[in-house]
Amino acid sequence: MRRLLPALIAATLGGLWLAPAPARAEESALPEGHWSFQGIFGVFDHAAARRGFEVYKDVCSACHSMNLLHYRNLEAIGFGEDEAKAIAAGFQVPGEPDDSGEVKDRPAKLSDSFKAPFANEQAARAANNGALPPDLSVIIKARKGGADYVHAILTGYGEAPADVKLQEGMNYNKYFPGHQIAMPQPLSDNSVTYSDGTQATLDQEARDVATFLAWAAEPELEERHFIGLKTVLFLIVFTAMLYAVKRKVWAAVH
């Protein structure tokens, strides 16, 4: 029996290893967006980021929070101080308690974080059939594919194939893992009216909001790229100087 036990264990583990994995829906490759902020010289398209904020404010903010951003941060993508103040003032947030301890709402200020659409997680789930809309502050970093993923999800809705049975309350999306997503299609042509007059096609809206979310997740990207470029240039010049000094010092040695 002692000799048989290792063999039985090995056979059992071998059977588990060789057993076929559960069938998974075939996933579609994400289309590449060719973003301006990619690569070592990448910079954000600030006009696109501003339009992306408009998409977020008018559509996405109904369900998704961005708790890590403050209204003052909007100045970094080209909004003037007065514009940012006007945007903030359009939202009501809880103020400080008065002498009686009562808290009243007040217009938001630049120092306030973006107003969340729901008071707490339970309220968010109750309004979305049990699903919790994720905070979008760093969603680009939190999802494999980054901006390509966000753009693909927003443009990947469609009719489910005949051989796909959707669960109740789910929507078909060819780029979402498993192809069934609780979020209804949020964007369509002319979902927003851009203040700069850009035509608001579905693809344009998706690209703009992906750019805005990429900036929100990594606002220091341009500064980091600039510092990296200066460092590389310094090292090139410094290496050339060292080589010149080496040749001078060892010129008499044959």
C-alpha atoms as a PDB file:
ATOM      1  CA  MET A   1       0.000   0.000   0.000  1.00  0.00           C
ATOM      2  CA  ARG A   2       2.875   2.383   0.829  1.00  0.00           C
ATOM      3  CA  ARG A   3       4.347   1.767  -2.615  1.00  0.00           C
ATOM      4  CA  LEU A   4       1.005   2.320  -4.335  1.00  0.00           C
ATOM      5  CA  LEU A   5       0.231   5.609  -2.549  1.00  0.00           C
ATOM      6  CA  PRO A   6       2.815   7.775  -4.408  1.00  0.00           C
ATOM      7  CA  ALA A   7       1.689   6.267  -7.699  1.00  0.00           C
ATOM      8  CA  LEU A   8      -1.971   7.046  -6.950  1.00  0.00           C
ATOM      9  CA  ILE A   9      -1.102  10.621  -5.989  1.00  0.00           C
ATOM     10  CA  ALA A  10       0.944  11.085  -9.154  1.00  0.00           C
ATOM     11  CA  ALA A  11      -1.843   9.674 -11.308  1.00  0.00           C
ATOM     12  CA  THR A  12      -4.416  11.938  -9.676  1.00  0.00           C
ATOM     13  CA  LEU A  13      -2.288  15.071 -10.115  1.00  0.00           C
ATOM     14  CA  GLY A  14      -1.497  14.067 -13.659  1.00  0.00           C
ATOM     15  CA  GLY A  15      -5.185  13.717 -14.444  1.00  0.00           C
ATOM     16  CA  LEU A  16      -5.881  17.167 -13.034  1.00  0.00           C
ATOM     17  CA  TRP A  17      -3.026  18.662 -15.048  1.00  0.00           C
ATOM     18  CA  LEU A  18      -4.179  17.104 -18.296  1.00  0.00           C
ATOM     19  CA  ALA A  19      -7.886  17.762 -17.800  1.00  0.00           C
ATOM     20  CA  PRO A  20      -9.206  20.214 -20.387  1.00  0.00           C
ATOM     21  CA  ALA A  21      -9.753  23.758 -19.158  1.00  0.00           C
ATOM     22  CA  PRO A  22     -13.311  25.145 -19.161  1.00  0.00           C
ATOM     23  CA  ALA A  23     -14.258  26.660 -22.494  1.00  0.00           C
ATOM     24  CA  ARG A  24     -13.794  30.446 -22.688  1.00  0.00           C
ATOM     25  CA  ALA A  25     -15.250  32.883 -25.122  1.00  0.00           C
ATOM     26  CA  GLU A  26     -12.731  33.796 -27.793  1.00  0.00           C
ATOM     27  CA  GLU A  27     -11.372  37.259 -27.073  1.00  0.00           C
ATOM     28  CA  SER A  28     -10.824  39.810 -29.815  1.00  0.00           C
ATOM     29  CA  ALA A  29      -7.466  41.574 -30.028  1.00  0.00           C
ATOM     30  CA  LEU A  30      -7.618  45.224 -28.995  1.00  0.00           C
ATOM     31  CA  PRO A  31      -7.127  47.628 -31.919  1.00  0.00           C
ATOM     32  CA  GLU A  32      -4.072  49.849 -31.454  1.00  0.00           C
ATOM     33  CA  GLY A  33      -4.895  53.509 -30.939  1.00  0.00           C
ATOM     34  CA  HIS A  34      -1.495  55.063 -31.790  1.00  0.00           C
ATOM     35  CA  TRP A  35      -1.725  57.625 -28.993  1.00  0.00           C
ATOM     36  CA  SER A  36       0.269  60.857 -28.881  1.00  0.00           C
ATOM     37  CA  PHE A  37       1.475  60.093 -25.349  1.00  0.00           C
ATOM     38  CA  GLN A  38       3.104  56.783 -26.241  1.00  0.00           C
ATOM     39  CA  GLY A  39       6.853  56.392 -26.580  1.00  0.00           C
ATOM     40  CA  ILE A  40       9.745  58.181 -24.901  1.00  0.00           C
ATOM     41  CA  PHE A  41       8.886  61.471 -26.616  1.00  0.00           C
ATOM     42  CA  GLY A  42       5.133  61.166 -26.032  1.00  0.00           C
ATOM     43  CA  VAL A  43       3.056  64.165 -24.936  1.00  0.00           C
ATOM     44  CA  PHE A  44      -0.630  64.535 -24.250  1.00  0.00           C
ATOM     45  CA  ASP A  45      -2.936  66.131 -26.783  1.00  0.00           C
ATOM     46  CA  HIS A  46      -4.361  68.725 -24.390  1.00  0.00           C
ATOM     47  CA  ALA A  47      -7.219  69.649 -26.729  1.00  0.00           C
ATOM     48  CA  ALA A  48      -8.275  65.988 -26.814  1.00  0.00           C
ATOM     49  CA  ALA A  49      -7.920  65.741 -23.033  1.00  0.00           C
ATOM     50  CA  ARG A  50     -10.182  68.776 -22.563  1.00  0.00           C
ATOM     51  CA  ARG A  51     -12.766  67.234 -24.881  1.00  0.00           C
ATOM     52  CA  GLY A  52     -12.378  63.988 -22.970  1.00  0.00           C
ATOM     53  CA  PHE A  53     -13.211  65.789 -19.752  1.00  0.00           C
ATOM     54  CA  GLU A  54     -16.387  67.063 -21.398  1.00  0.00           C
ATOM     55  CA  VAL A  55     -17.298  63.456 -22.271  1.00  0.00           C
ATOM     56  CA  TYR A  56     -16.591  62.354 -18.712  1.00  0.00           C
ATOM     57  CA  LYS A  57     -18.545  65.252 -17.189  1.00  0.00           C
ATOM     58  CA  ASP A  58     -21.579  64.928 -19.461  1.00  0.00           C
ATOM     59  CA  VAL A  59     -21.779  61.121 -19.679  1.00  0.00           C
ATOM     60  CA  CYS A  60     -19.394  59.036 -17.585  1.00  0.00           C
ATOM     61  CA  SER A  61     -19.730  60.984 -14.324  1.00  0.00           C
ATOM     62  CA  ALA A  62     -23.343  59.841 -14.000  1.00  0.00           C
ATOM     63  CA  CYS A  63     -22.017  56.480 -12.781  1.00  0.00           C
ATOM     64  CA  HIS A  64     -18.223  56.664 -12.404  1.00  0.00           C
ATOM     65  CA  SER A  65     -16.300  58.621  -9.795  1.00  0.00           C
ATOM     66  CA  MET A  66     -12.789  60.078 -10.118  1.00  0.00           C
ATOM     67  CA  ASN A  67     -11.946  60.512  -6.453  1.00  0.00           C
ATOM     68  CA  LEU A  68      -8.234  61.197  -6.961  1.00  0.00           C
ATOM     69  CA  LEU A  69      -8.740  64.292  -9.110  1.00  0.00           C
ATOM     70  CA  HIS A  70      -9.443  67.825  -7.922  1.00  0.00           C
ATOM     71  CA  TYR A  71     -10.985  70.599  -9.969  1.00  0.00           C
ATOM     72  CA  ARG A  72      -7.735  72.559  -9.802  1.00  0.00           C
ATOM     73  CA  ASN A  73      -6.047  69.757 -11.763  1.00  0.00           C
ATOM     74  CA  LEU A  74      -8.019  70.789 -14.853  1.00  0.00           C
ATOM     75  CA  GLU A  75      -5.708  73.764 -15.293  1.00  0.00           C
ATOM     76  CA  ALA A  76      -2.941  71.306 -16.263  1.00  0.00           C
ATOM     77  CA  ILE A  77      -4.740  70.403 -19.507  1.00  0.00           C
ATOM     78  CA  GLY A  78      -5.429  73.956 -20.592  1.00  0.00           C
ATOM     79  CA  PHE A  79      -8.494  75.107 -18.697  1.00  0.00           C
ATOM     80  CA  GLY A  80      -8.037  78.619 -17.351  1.00  0.00           C
ATOM     81  CA  GLU A  81      -8.425  79.269 -13.636  1.00  0.00           C
ATOM     82  CA  ASP A  82     -11.768  80.997 -14.165  1.00  0.00           C
ATOM     83  CA  GLU A  83     -12.960  78.127 -16.371  1.00  0.00           C
ATOM     84  CA  ALA A  84     -11.971  75.573 -13.737  1.00  0.00           C
ATOM     85  CA  LYS A  85     -13.718  77.614 -11.039  1.00  0.00           C
ATOM     86  CA  ALA A  86     -16.881  77.778 -13.159  1.00  0.00           C
ATOM     87  CA  ILE A  87     -16.787  74.017 -13.742  1.00  0.00           C
ATOM     88  CA  ALA A  88     -16.353  73.371 -10.021  1.00  0.00           C
ATOM     89  CA  ALA A  89     -19.142  75.782  -9.084  1.00  0.00           C
ATOM     90  CA  GLY A  90     -21.551  73.723 -11.166  1.00  0.00           C
ATOM     91  CA  PHE A  91     -21.429  70.969  -8.535  1.00  0.00           C
ATOM     92  CA  GLN A  92     -22.826  71.003  -5.015  1.00  0.00           C
ATOM     93  CA  VAL A  93     -20.702  69.387  -2.296  1.00  0.00           C
ATOM     94  CA  PRO A  94     -21.129  69.148   1.496  1.00  0.00           C
ATOM     95  CA  GLY A  95     -19.855  72.210   3.317  1.00  0.00           C
ATOM     96  CA  GLU A  96     -18.498  72.624   6.826  1.00  0.00           C
ATOM     97  CA  PRO A  97     -20.892  72.078   9.755  1.00  0.00           C
ATOM     98  CA  ASP A  98     -22.474  75.267  11.057  1.00  0.00           C
ATOM     99  CA  ASP A  99     -22.786  76.228  14.728  1.00  0.00           C
ATOM    100  CA  SER A 100     -25.677  73.801  15.167  1.00  0.00           C
ATOM    101  CA  GLY A 101     -23.797  70.942  13.490  1.00  0.00           C
ATOM    102  CA  GLU A 102     -25.905  70.999  10.351  1.00  0.00           C
ATOM    103  CA  VAL A 103     -24.099  70.399   7.074  1.00  0.00           C
ATOM    104  CA  LYS A 104     -25.378  72.257   4.034  1.00  0.00           C
ATOM    105  CA  ASP A 105     -24.314  71.887   0.437  1.00  0.00           C
ATOM    106  CA  ARG A 106     -22.207  74.574  -1.200  1.00  0.00           C
ATOM    107  CA  PRO A 107     -20.743  75.094  -4.691  1.00  0.00           C
ATOM    108  CA  ALA A 108     -17.531  73.144  -5.159  1.00  0.00           C
ATOM    109  CA  LYS A 109     -14.190  74.969  -5.190  1.00  0.00           C
ATOM    110  CA  LEU A 110     -10.913  74.292  -6.956  1.00  0.00           C
ATOM    111  CA  SER A 111      -9.602  72.513  -3.871  1.00  0.00           C
ATOM    112  CA  ASP A 112     -12.458  69.993  -3.881  1.00  0.00           C
ATOM    113  CA  SER A 113     -12.109  66.562  -5.438  1.00  0.00           C
ATOM    114  CA  PHE A 114     -14.429  65.608  -8.280  1.00  0.00           C
ATOM    115  CA  LYS A 115     -17.911  65.023  -6.939  1.00  0.00           C
ATOM    116  CA  ALA A 116     -18.808  61.331  -6.848  1.00  0.00           C
ATOM    117  CA  PRO A 117     -22.142  60.325  -8.403  1.00  0.00           C
ATOM    118  CA  PHE A 118     -23.170  58.207  -5.393  1.00  0.00           C
ATOM    119  CA  ALA A 119     -22.873  58.704  -1.660  1.00  0.00           C
ATOM    120  CA  ASN A 120     -21.409  55.249  -1.036  1.00  0.00           C
ATOM    121  CA  GLU A 121     -20.799  51.824  -2.594  1.00  0.00           C
ATOM    122  CA  GLN A 122     -24.190  50.487  -1.548  1.00  0.00           C
ATOM    123  CA  ALA A 123     -25.988  53.337  -3.297  1.00  0.00           C
ATOM    124  CA  ALA A 124     -23.884  52.794  -6.415  1.00  0.00           C
ATOM    125  CA  ARG A 125     -24.733  49.084  -6.529  1.00  0.00           C
ATOM    126  CA  ALA A 126     -28.419  49.724  -5.889  1.00  0.00           C
ATOM    127  CA  ALA A 127     -28.561  52.097  -8.857  1.00  0.00           C
ATOM    128  CA  ASN A 128     -26.730  49.677 -11.179  1.00  0.00           C
ATOM    129  CA  ASN A 129     -28.455  46.320 -10.594  1.00  0.00           C
ATOM    130  CA  GLY A 130     -25.793  45.210  -8.142  1.00  0.00           C
ATOM    131  CA  ALA A 131     -22.794  46.132 -10.323  1.00  0.00           C
ATOM    132  CA  LEU A 132     -20.254  48.596  -8.930  1.00  0.00           C
ATOM    133  CA  PRO A 133     -19.017  51.145 -11.490  1.00  0.00           C
ATOM    134  CA  PRO A 134     -15.239  51.407 -10.974  1.00  0.00           C
ATOM    135  CA  ASP A 135     -13.550  54.658 -10.080  1.00  0.00           C
ATOM    136  CA  LEU A 136     -11.850  55.965 -13.236  1.00  0.00           C
ATOM    137  CA  SER A 137      -8.965  57.885 -11.642  1.00  0.00           C
ATOM    138  CA  VAL A 138      -6.351  55.281 -12.593  1.00  0.00           C
ATOM    139  CA  ILE A 139      -8.412  52.926 -14.771  1.00  0.00           C
ATOM    140  CA  ILE A 140      -5.881  53.257 -17.601  1.00  0.00           C
ATOM    141  CA  LYS A 141      -3.195  51.774 -15.334  1.00  0.00           C
ATOM    142  CA  ALA A 142      -5.542  49.207 -13.838  1.00  0.00           C
ATOM    143  CA  ARG A 143      -6.549  47.537 -17.115  1.00  0.00           C
ATOM    144  CA  LYS A 144      -4.265  45.626 -19.451  1.00  0.00           C
ATOM    145  CA  GLY A 145      -4.108  47.539 -22.711  1.00  0.00           C
ATOM    146  CA  GLY A 146      -4.599  50.932 -21.038  1.00  0.00           C
ATOM    147  CA  ALA A 147      -6.052  53.507 -23.427  1.00  0.00           C
ATOM    148  CA  ASP A 148      -6.505  50.858 -26.139  1.00  0.00           C
ATOM    149  CA  TYR A 149      -8.699  48.869 -23.731  1.00  0.00           C
ATOM    150  CA  VAL A 150     -10.880  51.838 -22.796  1.00  0.00           C
ATOM    151  CA  HIS A 151     -11.317  52.912 -26.419  1.00  0.00           C
ATOM    152  CA  ALA A 152     -12.110  49.342 -27.513  1.00  0.00           C
ATOM    153  CA  ILE A 153     -14.694  48.787 -24.774  1.00  0.00           C
ATOM    154  CA  LEU A 154     -16.474  52.044 -25.576  1.00  0.00           C
ATOM    155  CA  THR A 155     -16.652  51.220 -29.292  1.00  0.00           C
ATOM    156  CA  GLY A 156     -17.107  47.445 -29.014  1.00  0.00           C
ATOM    157  CA  TYR A 157     -20.840  47.205 -28.333  1.00  0.00           C
ATOM    158  CA  GLY A 158     -23.096  45.452 -30.810  1.00  0.00           C
ATOM    159  CA  GLU A 159     -25.666  42.747 -31.346  1.00  0.00           C
ATOM    160  CA  ALA A 160     -24.738  39.411 -29.816  1.00  0.00           C
ATOM    161  CA  PRO A 161     -24.059  36.584 -32.304  1.00  0.00           C
ATOM    162  CA  ALA A 162     -26.754  33.949 -32.616  1.00  0.00           C
ATOM    163  CA  ASP A 163     -24.705  31.395 -30.671  1.00  0.00           C
ATOM    164  CA  VAL A 164     -24.171  33.727 -27.671  1.00  0.00           C
ATOM    165  CA  LYS A 165     -26.797  33.726 -24.918  1.00  0.00           C
ATOM    166  CA  LEU A 166     -26.631  36.875 -22.838  1.00  0.00           C
ATOM    167  CA  GLN A 167     -27.371  36.728 -19.136  1.00  0.00           C
ATOM    168  CA  GLU A 168     -30.160  38.925 -17.850  1.00  0.00           C
ATOM    169  CA  GLY A 169     -29.101  42.571 -17.634  1.00  0.00           C
ATOM    170  CA  MET A 170     -25.898  42.037 -19.620  1.00  0.00           C
ATOM    171  CA  ASN A 171     -24.797  43.641 -22.882  1.00  0.00           C
ATOM    172  CA  TYR A 172     -22.627  42.229 -25.668  1.00  0.00           C
ATOM    173  CA  ASN A 173     -19.194  43.752 -26.196  1.00  0.00           C
ATOM    174  CA  LYS A 174     -16.705  42.013 -28.460  1.00  0.00           C
ATOM    175  CA  TYR A 175     -13.663  43.405 -26.615  1.00  0.00           C
ATOM    176  CA  PHE A 176     -14.792  42.823 -23.027  1.00  0.00           C
ATOM    177  CA  PRO A 177     -13.444  39.581 -21.487  1.00  0.00           C
ATOM    178  CA  GLY A 178     -16.259  37.045 -21.842  1.00  0.00           C
ATOM    179  CA  HIS A 179     -18.121  39.496 -24.109  1.00  0.00           C
ATOM    180  CA  GLN A 180     -20.831  40.189 -21.501  1.00  0.00           C
ATOM    181  CA  ILE A 181     -20.710  43.515 -19.692  1.00  0.00           C
ATOM    182  CA  ALA A 182     -23.163  45.023 -17.227  1.00  0.00           C
ATOM    183  CA  MET A 183     -22.606  48.603 -18.416  1.00  0.00           C
ATOM    184  CA  PRO A 184     -25.008  49.582 -21.208  1.00  0.00           C
ATOM    185  CA  GLN A 185     -23.443  51.335 -24.188  1.00  0.00           C
ATOM    186  CA  PRO A 186     -22.586  54.773 -22.764  1.00  0.00           C
ATOM    187  CA  LEU A 187     -21.520  56.624 -25.920  1.00  0.00           C
ATOM    188  CA  SER A 188     -22.909  57.069 -29.399  1.00  0.00           C
ATOM    189  CA  ASP A 189     -22.596  59.664 -32.123  1.00  0.00           C
ATOM    190  CA  ASN A 190     -23.350  63.150 -30.734  1.00  0.00           C
ATOM    191  CA  SER A 191     -23.495  62.029 -27.101  1.00  0.00           C
ATOM    192  CA  VAL A 192     -21.886  65.379 -26.290  1.00  0.00           C
ATOM    193  CA  THR A 193     -21.604  68.774 -27.941  1.00  0.00           C
ATOM    194  CA  TYR A 194     -17.964  69.793 -27.925  1.00  0.00           C
ATOM    195  CA  SER A 195     -17.256  73.386 -26.968  1.00  0.00           C
ATOM    196  CA  ASP A 196     -14.533  73.617 -29.645  1.00  0.00           C
ATOM    197  CA  GLY A 197     -16.893  72.532 -32.413  1.00  0.00           C
ATOM    198  CA  THR A 198     -15.280  69.124 -33.065  1.00  0.00           C
ATOM    199  CA  GLN A 199     -17.682  66.616 -34.604  1.00  0.00           C
ATOM    200  CA  ALA A 200     -18.692  64.206 -31.834  1.00  0.00           C
ATOM    201  CA  THR A 201     -18.572  60.798 -33.499  1.00  0.00           C
ATOM    202  CA  LEU A 202     -18.482  57.667 -31.332  1.00  0.00           C
ATOM    203  CA  ASP A 203     -14.823  57.050 -32.189  1.00  0.00           C
ATOM    204  CA  GLN A 204     -13.890  60.674 -31.449  1.00  0.00           C
ATOM    205  CA  GLU A 205     -15.640  60.621 -28.077  1.00  0.00           C
ATOM    206  CA  ALA A 206     -14.005  57.318 -27.129  1.00  0.00           C
ATOM    207  CA  ARG A 207     -10.526  58.524 -28.137  1.00  0.00           C
ATOM    208  CA  ASP A 208     -10.947  61.825 -26.306  1.00  0.00           C
ATOM    209  CA  VAL A 209     -12.142  60.315 -23.030  1.00  0.00           C
ATOM    210  CA  ALA A 210      -9.380  57.679 -23.207  1.00  0.00           C
ATOM    211  CA  THR A 211      -6.847  60.501 -23.593  1.00  0.00           C
ATOM    212  CA  PHE A 212      -8.333  62.333 -20.611  1.00  0.00           C
ATOM    213  CA  LEU A 213      -8.238  59.188 -18.471  1.00  0.00           C
ATOM    214  CA  ALA A 214      -4.644  58.494 -19.534  1.00  0.00           C
ATOM    215  CA  TRP A 215      -3.674  61.997 -18.391  1.00  0.00           C
ATOM    216  CA  ALA A 216      -5.608  61.560 -15.131  1.00  0.00           C
ATOM    217  CA  ALA A 217      -3.763  58.312 -14.378  1.00  0.00           C
ATOM    218  CA  GLU A 218      -0.310  59.741 -15.148  1.00  0.00           C
ATOM    219  CA  PRO A 219      -0.343  63.566 -15.150  1.00  0.00           C
ATOM    220  CA  GLU A 220       3.441  63.713 -14.659  1.00  0.00           C
ATOM    221  CA  LEU A 221       4.144  61.777 -17.883  1.00  0.00           C
ATOM    222  CA  GLU A 222       5.267  64.794 -19.939  1.00  0.00           C
ATOM    223  CA  GLU A 223       7.550  66.069 -17.180  1.00  0.00           C
ATOM    224  CA  ARG A 224       9.044  62.611 -16.734  1.00  0.00           C
ATOM    225  CA  HIS A 225       9.684  62.281 -20.479  1.00  0.00           C
ATOM    226  CA  PHE A 226      11.294  65.746 -20.544  1.00  0.00           C
ATOM    227  CA  ILE A 227      13.577  64.919 -17.613  1.00  0.00           C
ATOM    228  CA  GLY A 228      14.508  61.619 -19.244  1.00  0.00           C
ATOM    229  CA  LEU A 229      15.382  63.369 -22.505  1.00  0.00           C
ATOM    230  CA  LYS A 230      17.558  65.927 -20.704  1.00  0.00           C
ATOM    231  CA  THR A 231      19.285  63.137 -18.795  1.00  0.00           C
ATOM    232  CA  VAL A 232      20.075  61.222 -21.979  1.00  0.00           C
ATOM    233  CA  LEU A 233      21.450  64.359 -23.655  1.00  0.00           C
ATOM    234  CA  PHE A 234      23.580  65.109 -20.600  1.00  0.00           C
ATOM    235  CA  LEU A 235      24.990  61.583 -20.584  1.00  0.00           C
ATOM    236  CA  ILE A 236      25.860  61.842 -24.290  1.00  0.00           C
ATOM    237  CA  VAL A 237      27.716  65.127 -23.781  1.00  0.00           C
ATOM    238  CA  PHE A 238      29.365  63.867 -20.580  1.00  0.00           C
ATOM    239  CA  THR A 239      30.548  60.680 -22.334  1.00  0.00           C
ATOM    240  CA  ALA A 240      32.016  62.739 -25.183  1.00  0.00           C
ATOM    241  CA  MET A 241      33.871  64.932 -22.664  1.00  0.00           C
ATOM    242  CA  LEU A 242      35.254  61.908 -20.829  1.00  0.00           C
ATOM    243  CA  TYR A 243      36.450  60.439 -24.112  1.00  0.00           C
ATOM    244  CA  ALA A 244      38.188  63.718 -25.052  1.00  0.00           C
ATOM    245  CA  VAL A 245      39.870  63.878 -21.622  1.00  0.00           C
ATOM    246  CA  LYS A 246      40.976  60.243 -21.936  1.00  0.00           C
ATOM    247  CA  ARG A 247      42.586  60.910 -25.308  1.00  0.00           C
ATOM    248  CA  LYS A 248      44.337  63.996 -23.923  1.00  0.00           C
ATOM    249  CA  VAL A 249      45.683  62.226 -20.824  1.00  0.00           C
ATOM    250  CA  TRP A 250      46.888  59.163 -22.698  1.00  0.00           C
ATOM    251  CA  ALA A 251      48.047  60.924 -25.873  1.00  0.00           C
ATOM    252  CA  ALA A 252      51.744  60.440 -25.033  1.00  0.00           C
ATOM    253  CA  VAL A 253      51.364  56.725 -24.289  1.00  0.00           C
ATOM    254  CA  HIS A 254      51.922  54.459 -27.292  1.00  0.00           C
END
